[in-house]
Amino acid sequence: MSVCATLLMLHKPKGYVVTRRDELGRKTVYDLLPDWALQDGWVPAGRLDLDSKGLLLFSKGGGAVDALTRPGRLEKTYEVWVRGKVTPEHIAQALAGVKTPEGPCRAKSVELLGGAGPKTRLKVVLDEGKNRHIRRLFGALQDPKFQTPLKVLELKRTAVGDLALDVPSGKWRFLTPAESSRILG
């Protein structure tokens, strides 16, 4: 199959690894794409861990991957459910940056969206992406009531730059030429 599009969007479900082949036999994101995606060299621009879901971009060209993953170039937006009560003080700490065993982590913005019982729903925007960044960031903060670390329960990437996730879980689509041009800017 001849594919002339430069980028495609996949809505990665939880439980899939972002790799071509997994030595542990787990499901990979390529199980969700047509066979030609692997054969023609389509590669992910960035990662989402096994327990995360949401927008994942693929490119057939290495230059596009470099442009999409360069720190500080494109903001990434997430909807995050945290176990524990996130306070204004937590948000201030997340914006200022916290130390984690793997190095410092910070968010560009954090918006409180609500909650349910002992859980808090947030919109988190990053302008850099380190391994398990949001999980480490909130794990470094303490729940004021129980004096235990906050824990990310669910994480979904909802946008990259101004490109919003608009396909159902497990589905994909090509970006339009205008979308590709805008995001690769």
C-alpha atoms as a PDB file:
ATOM      1  CA  MET A   1       0.000   0.000   0.000  1.00  0.00           C
ATOM      2  CA  SER A   2       1.285   3.445  -0.872  1.00  0.00           C
ATOM      3  CA  VAL A   3       0.821   5.957   1.883  1.00  0.00           C
ATOM      4  CA  CYS A   4       1.533   9.619   1.239  1.00  0.00           C
ATOM      5  CA  ALA A   5       0.352  11.058   4.544  1.00  0.00           C
ATOM      6  CA  THR A   6       3.110  12.142   6.896  1.00  0.00           C
ATOM      7  CA  LEU A   7       1.430  11.636  10.270  1.00  0.00           C
ATOM      8  CA  LEU A   8      -1.213   9.454  11.828  1.00  0.00           C
ATOM      9  CA  MET A   9      -3.016   9.653  15.161  1.00  0.00           C
ATOM     10  CA  LEU A  10      -3.740   6.578  17.270  1.00  0.00           C
ATOM     11  CA  HIS A  11      -5.917   6.507  20.379  1.00  0.00           C
ATOM     12  CA  LYS A  12      -3.768   4.126  22.432  1.00  0.00           C
ATOM     13  CA  PRO A  13      -5.757   2.099  24.957  1.00  0.00           C
ATOM     14  CA  LYS A  14      -4.364   1.149  28.346  1.00  0.00           C
ATOM     15  CA  GLY A  15      -2.478  -2.168  28.271  1.00  0.00           C
ATOM     16  CA  TYR A  16      -0.513  -1.685  25.036  1.00  0.00           C
ATOM     17  CA  VAL A  17       3.229  -1.049  24.912  1.00  0.00           C
ATOM     18  CA  VAL A  18       4.750   1.459  22.523  1.00  0.00           C
ATOM     19  CA  THR A  19       7.263  -0.753  20.774  1.00  0.00           C
ATOM     20  CA  ARG A  20       7.556  -2.759  17.556  1.00  0.00           C
ATOM     21  CA  ARG A  21       7.894  -6.122  19.281  1.00  0.00           C
ATOM     22  CA  ASP A  22       7.704  -6.920  22.964  1.00  0.00           C
ATOM     23  CA  GLU A  23      10.049  -9.517  24.441  1.00  0.00           C
ATOM     24  CA  LEU A  24       7.401 -10.280  27.090  1.00  0.00           C
ATOM     25  CA  GLY A  25       4.708 -10.989  24.493  1.00  0.00           C
ATOM     26  CA  ARG A  26       2.484  -8.074  25.502  1.00  0.00           C
ATOM     27  CA  LYS A  27       0.180  -6.318  23.039  1.00  0.00           C
ATOM     28  CA  THR A  28       1.871  -3.493  21.134  1.00  0.00           C
ATOM     29  CA  VAL A  29       0.458  -0.401  19.469  1.00  0.00           C
ATOM     30  CA  TYR A  30       1.282  -2.030  16.119  1.00  0.00           C
ATOM     31  CA  ASP A  31      -1.428  -4.619  16.861  1.00  0.00           C
ATOM     32  CA  LEU A  32      -3.890  -1.734  16.454  1.00  0.00           C
ATOM     33  CA  LEU A  33      -2.496  -0.479  13.129  1.00  0.00           C
ATOM     34  CA  PRO A  34      -2.615  -2.017   9.640  1.00  0.00           C
ATOM     35  CA  ASP A  35       0.261  -4.351   8.735  1.00  0.00           C
ATOM     36  CA  TRP A  36       1.739  -1.750   6.380  1.00  0.00           C
ATOM     37  CA  ALA A  37       2.436   0.602   9.326  1.00  0.00           C
ATOM     38  CA  LEU A  38       5.151  -1.712  10.628  1.00  0.00           C
ATOM     39  CA  GLN A  39       6.358  -2.792   7.191  1.00  0.00           C
ATOM     40  CA  ASP A  40       6.596   0.776   5.848  1.00  0.00           C
ATOM     41  CA  GLY A  41       8.541   2.086   8.842  1.00  0.00           C
ATOM     42  CA  TRP A  42       5.931   4.148  10.679  1.00  0.00           C
ATOM     43  CA  VAL A  43       7.351   5.019  14.111  1.00  0.00           C
ATOM     44  CA  PRO A  44       5.815   6.607  17.214  1.00  0.00           C
ATOM     45  CA  ALA A  45       6.706  10.198  18.037  1.00  0.00           C
ATOM     46  CA  GLY A  46       7.075   9.810  21.785  1.00  0.00           C
ATOM     47  CA  ARG A  47       5.709   7.290  24.242  1.00  0.00           C
ATOM     48  CA  LEU A  48       2.833   6.516  26.556  1.00  0.00           C
ATOM     49  CA  ASP A  49       3.495   3.898  29.230  1.00  0.00           C
ATOM     50  CA  LEU A  50       1.577   0.616  29.499  1.00  0.00           C
ATOM     51  CA  ASP A  51      -0.904   2.079  31.999  1.00  0.00           C
ATOM     52  CA  SER A  52      -1.571   5.288  30.033  1.00  0.00           C
ATOM     53  CA  LYS A  53      -3.918   5.922  27.145  1.00  0.00           C
ATOM     54  CA  GLY A  54      -4.639   8.617  24.634  1.00  0.00           C
ATOM     55  CA  LEU A  55      -3.196  10.448  21.663  1.00  0.00           C
ATOM     56  CA  LEU A  56      -0.080   8.962  20.106  1.00  0.00           C
ATOM     57  CA  LEU A  57       1.334  10.271  16.832  1.00  0.00           C
ATOM     58  CA  PHE A  58       3.206   8.177  14.266  1.00  0.00           C
ATOM     59  CA  SER A  59       5.417   9.376  11.433  1.00  0.00           C
ATOM     60  CA  LYS A  60       7.083   7.754   8.499  1.00  0.00           C
ATOM     61  CA  GLY A  61       9.933  10.256   8.579  1.00  0.00           C
ATOM     62  CA  GLY A  62      12.580  10.662  11.278  1.00  0.00           C
ATOM     63  CA  GLY A  63      12.660  14.444  10.834  1.00  0.00           C
ATOM     64  CA  ALA A  64       9.008  14.659  11.837  1.00  0.00           C
ATOM     65  CA  VAL A  65       9.631  12.524  14.925  1.00  0.00           C
ATOM     66  CA  ASP A  66      12.495  14.822  15.947  1.00  0.00           C
ATOM     67  CA  ALA A  67      10.303  17.903  15.469  1.00  0.00           C
ATOM     68  CA  LEU A  68       7.427  16.388  17.456  1.00  0.00           C
ATOM     69  CA  THR A  69       9.544  15.213  20.393  1.00  0.00           C
ATOM     70  CA  ARG A  70      11.901  18.180  20.806  1.00  0.00           C
ATOM     71  CA  PRO A  71      11.528  19.416  24.432  1.00  0.00           C
ATOM     72  CA  GLY A  72       9.642  22.697  24.746  1.00  0.00           C
ATOM     73  CA  ARG A  73       8.332  22.690  21.175  1.00  0.00           C
ATOM     74  CA  LEU A  74       4.823  21.230  21.605  1.00  0.00           C
ATOM     75  CA  GLU A  75       2.711  21.196  24.721  1.00  0.00           C
ATOM     76  CA  LYS A  76       1.044  17.917  25.638  1.00  0.00           C
ATOM     77  CA  THR A  77      -2.258  17.976  27.511  1.00  0.00           C
ATOM     78  CA  TYR A  78      -3.464  15.209  29.813  1.00  0.00           C
ATOM     79  CA  GLU A  79      -6.556  14.363  31.809  1.00  0.00           C
ATOM     80  CA  VAL A  80      -5.354  12.840  35.064  1.00  0.00           C
ATOM     81  CA  TRP A  81      -7.173  11.133  37.942  1.00  0.00           C
ATOM     82  CA  VAL A  82      -5.198  11.173  41.173  1.00  0.00           C
ATOM     83  CA  ARG A  83      -5.910   9.220  44.355  1.00  0.00           C
ATOM     84  CA  GLY A  84      -5.878  11.843  47.074  1.00  0.00           C
ATOM     85  CA  LYS A  85      -6.996  15.434  47.518  1.00  0.00           C
ATOM     86  CA  VAL A  86      -4.957  17.754  45.298  1.00  0.00           C
ATOM     87  CA  THR A  87      -4.684  21.147  46.982  1.00  0.00           C
ATOM     88  CA  PRO A  88      -3.679  24.578  45.672  1.00  0.00           C
ATOM     89  CA  GLU A  89      -0.355  23.985  47.451  1.00  0.00           C
ATOM     90  CA  HIS A  90       0.171  20.787  45.424  1.00  0.00           C
ATOM     91  CA  ILE A  91      -0.543  22.686  42.221  1.00  0.00           C
ATOM     92  CA  ALA A  92       1.970  25.393  43.182  1.00  0.00           C
ATOM     93  CA  GLN A  93       4.576  22.696  43.909  1.00  0.00           C
ATOM     94  CA  ALA A  94       3.883  20.944  40.586  1.00  0.00           C
ATOM     95  CA  LEU A  95       4.332  24.241  38.727  1.00  0.00           C
ATOM     96  CA  ALA A  96       7.533  25.107  40.594  1.00  0.00           C
ATOM     97  CA  GLY A  97       8.943  21.601  40.168  1.00  0.00           C
ATOM     98  CA  VAL A  98       9.631  18.749  42.543  1.00  0.00           C
ATOM     99  CA  LYS A  99      12.588  16.459  43.052  1.00  0.00           C
ATOM    100  CA  THR A 100      12.068  12.778  42.341  1.00  0.00           C
ATOM    101  CA  PRO A 101      14.592   9.919  42.621  1.00  0.00           C
ATOM    102  CA  GLU A 102      14.921  10.007  38.814  1.00  0.00           C
ATOM    103  CA  GLY A 103      15.371  13.801  38.639  1.00  0.00           C
ATOM    104  CA  PRO A 104      13.264  16.960  38.762  1.00  0.00           C
ATOM    105  CA  CYS A 105       9.737  17.119  37.284  1.00  0.00           C
ATOM    106  CA  ARG A 106       7.378  20.044  36.788  1.00  0.00           C
ATOM    107  CA  ALA A 107       4.189  20.880  34.935  1.00  0.00           C
ATOM    108  CA  LYS A 108       3.608  23.918  32.739  1.00  0.00           C
ATOM    109  CA  SER A 109       0.028  24.183  34.001  1.00  0.00           C
ATOM    110  CA  VAL A 110      -2.331  22.268  36.275  1.00  0.00           C
ATOM    111  CA  GLU A 111      -6.073  22.894  36.410  1.00  0.00           C
ATOM    112  CA  LEU A 112      -8.392  21.350  38.970  1.00  0.00           C
ATOM    113  CA  LEU A 113     -11.379  19.846  37.106  1.00  0.00           C
ATOM    114  CA  GLY A 114     -13.188  18.310  40.062  1.00  0.00           C
ATOM    115  CA  GLY A 115     -13.200  15.051  41.880  1.00  0.00           C
ATOM    116  CA  ALA A 116     -15.166  12.171  43.297  1.00  0.00           C
ATOM    117  CA  GLY A 117     -14.674  10.992  46.857  1.00  0.00           C
ATOM    118  CA  PRO A 118     -10.966  10.536  47.549  1.00  0.00           C
ATOM    119  CA  LYS A 119     -10.001  11.166  43.888  1.00  0.00           C
ATOM    120  CA  THR A 120      -9.106  14.403  42.087  1.00  0.00           C
ATOM    121  CA  ARG A 121      -9.460  15.069  38.350  1.00  0.00           C
ATOM    122  CA  LEU A 122      -6.914  17.400  36.754  1.00  0.00           C
ATOM    123  CA  LYS A 123      -5.910  18.867  33.413  1.00  0.00           C
ATOM    124  CA  VAL A 124      -2.111  18.822  33.249  1.00  0.00           C
ATOM    125  CA  VAL A 125      -0.029  20.438  30.511  1.00  0.00           C
ATOM    126  CA  LEU A 126       3.636  19.553  29.980  1.00  0.00           C
ATOM    127  CA  ASP A 127       6.174  21.224  27.731  1.00  0.00           C
ATOM    128  CA  GLU A 128       8.695  18.446  28.289  1.00  0.00           C
ATOM    129  CA  GLY A 129       8.204  14.720  28.515  1.00  0.00           C
ATOM    130  CA  LYS A 130      10.286  12.529  30.750  1.00  0.00           C
ATOM    131  CA  ASN A 131       9.635   8.855  31.424  1.00  0.00           C
ATOM    132  CA  ARG A 132       6.517   8.534  33.641  1.00  0.00           C
ATOM    133  CA  HIS A 133       6.733  12.301  34.209  1.00  0.00           C
ATOM    134  CA  ILE A 134       3.217  12.932  35.589  1.00  0.00           C
ATOM    135  CA  ARG A 135       3.219   9.774  37.713  1.00  0.00           C
ATOM    136  CA  ARG A 136       6.560  10.756  39.275  1.00  0.00           C
ATOM    137  CA  LEU A 137       5.510  14.393  39.720  1.00  0.00           C
ATOM    138  CA  PHE A 138       2.354  13.631  41.688  1.00  0.00           C
ATOM    139  CA  GLY A 139       3.956  10.671  43.464  1.00  0.00           C
ATOM    140  CA  ALA A 140       6.417  13.138  45.001  1.00  0.00           C
ATOM    141  CA  LEU A 141       3.533  15.067  46.636  1.00  0.00           C
ATOM    142  CA  GLN A 142       1.813  14.039  49.891  1.00  0.00           C
ATOM    143  CA  ASP A 143      -1.923  13.630  50.510  1.00  0.00           C
ATOM    144  CA  PRO A 144      -2.519  16.036  53.431  1.00  0.00           C
ATOM    145  CA  LYS A 145      -5.146  13.856  55.098  1.00  0.00           C
ATOM    146  CA  PHE A 146      -3.341  10.506  55.049  1.00  0.00           C
ATOM    147  CA  GLN A 147       0.280  11.679  54.739  1.00  0.00           C
ATOM    148  CA  THR A 148       0.847   9.272  51.853  1.00  0.00           C
ATOM    149  CA  PRO A 149       2.073  10.053  48.346  1.00  0.00           C
ATOM    150  CA  LEU A 150      -0.537  11.038  45.790  1.00  0.00           C
ATOM    151  CA  LYS A 151      -0.967   8.354  43.155  1.00  0.00           C
ATOM    152  CA  VAL A 152      -1.956   8.730  39.513  1.00  0.00           C
ATOM    153  CA  LEU A 153      -4.802   6.288  38.887  1.00  0.00           C
ATOM    154  CA  GLU A 154      -5.570   7.149  35.285  1.00  0.00           C
ATOM    155  CA  LEU A 155      -3.731   9.186  32.677  1.00  0.00           C
ATOM    156  CA  LYS A 156      -4.986  10.109  29.209  1.00  0.00           C
ATOM    157  CA  ARG A 157      -3.180  12.336  26.688  1.00  0.00           C
ATOM    158  CA  THR A 158      -5.911  14.449  25.125  1.00  0.00           C
ATOM    159  CA  ALA A 159      -3.899  16.811  22.907  1.00  0.00           C
ATOM    160  CA  VAL A 160      -0.512  17.486  21.361  1.00  0.00           C
ATOM    161  CA  GLY A 161      -0.156  21.171  20.579  1.00  0.00           C
ATOM    162  CA  ASP A 162      -3.561  22.244  19.297  1.00  0.00           C
ATOM    163  CA  LEU A 163      -4.293  18.789  17.868  1.00  0.00           C
ATOM    164  CA  ALA A 164      -7.018  17.181  20.002  1.00  0.00           C
ATOM    165  CA  LEU A 165      -7.672  13.453  20.261  1.00  0.00           C
ATOM    166  CA  ASP A 166     -10.756  12.756  18.136  1.00  0.00           C
ATOM    167  CA  VAL A 167     -10.789   9.017  17.416  1.00  0.00           C
ATOM    168  CA  PRO A 168     -12.257   6.223  19.577  1.00  0.00           C
ATOM    169  CA  SER A 169     -10.016   4.047  21.731  1.00  0.00           C
ATOM    170  CA  GLY A 170      -8.008   1.569  19.647  1.00  0.00           C
ATOM    171  CA  LYS A 171      -8.689   3.442  16.376  1.00  0.00           C
ATOM    172  CA  TRP A 172      -6.460   5.597  14.184  1.00  0.00           C
ATOM    173  CA  ARG A 173      -6.635   8.098  11.341  1.00  0.00           C
ATOM    174  CA  PHE A 174      -4.291  10.029   9.100  1.00  0.00           C
ATOM    175  CA  LEU A 175      -3.830  13.692   9.901  1.00  0.00           C
ATOM    176  CA  THR A 176      -4.964  16.013   7.150  1.00  0.00           C
ATOM    177  CA  PRO A 177      -2.216  17.870   5.272  1.00  0.00           C
ATOM    178  CA  ALA A 178      -3.295  21.064   7.084  1.00  0.00           C
ATOM    179  CA  GLU A 179      -3.084  19.360  10.504  1.00  0.00           C
ATOM    180  CA  SER A 180       0.329  17.845   9.671  1.00  0.00           C
ATOM    181  CA  SER A 181       1.644  21.165   8.449  1.00  0.00           C
ATOM    182  CA  ARG A 182       0.319  23.017  11.495  1.00  0.00           C
ATOM    183  CA  ILE A 183       1.761  20.571  14.039  1.00  0.00           C
ATOM    184  CA  LEU A 184       5.114  20.225  12.282  1.00  0.00           C
ATOM    185  CA  GLY A 185       5.179  24.039  11.823  1.00  0.00           C
END
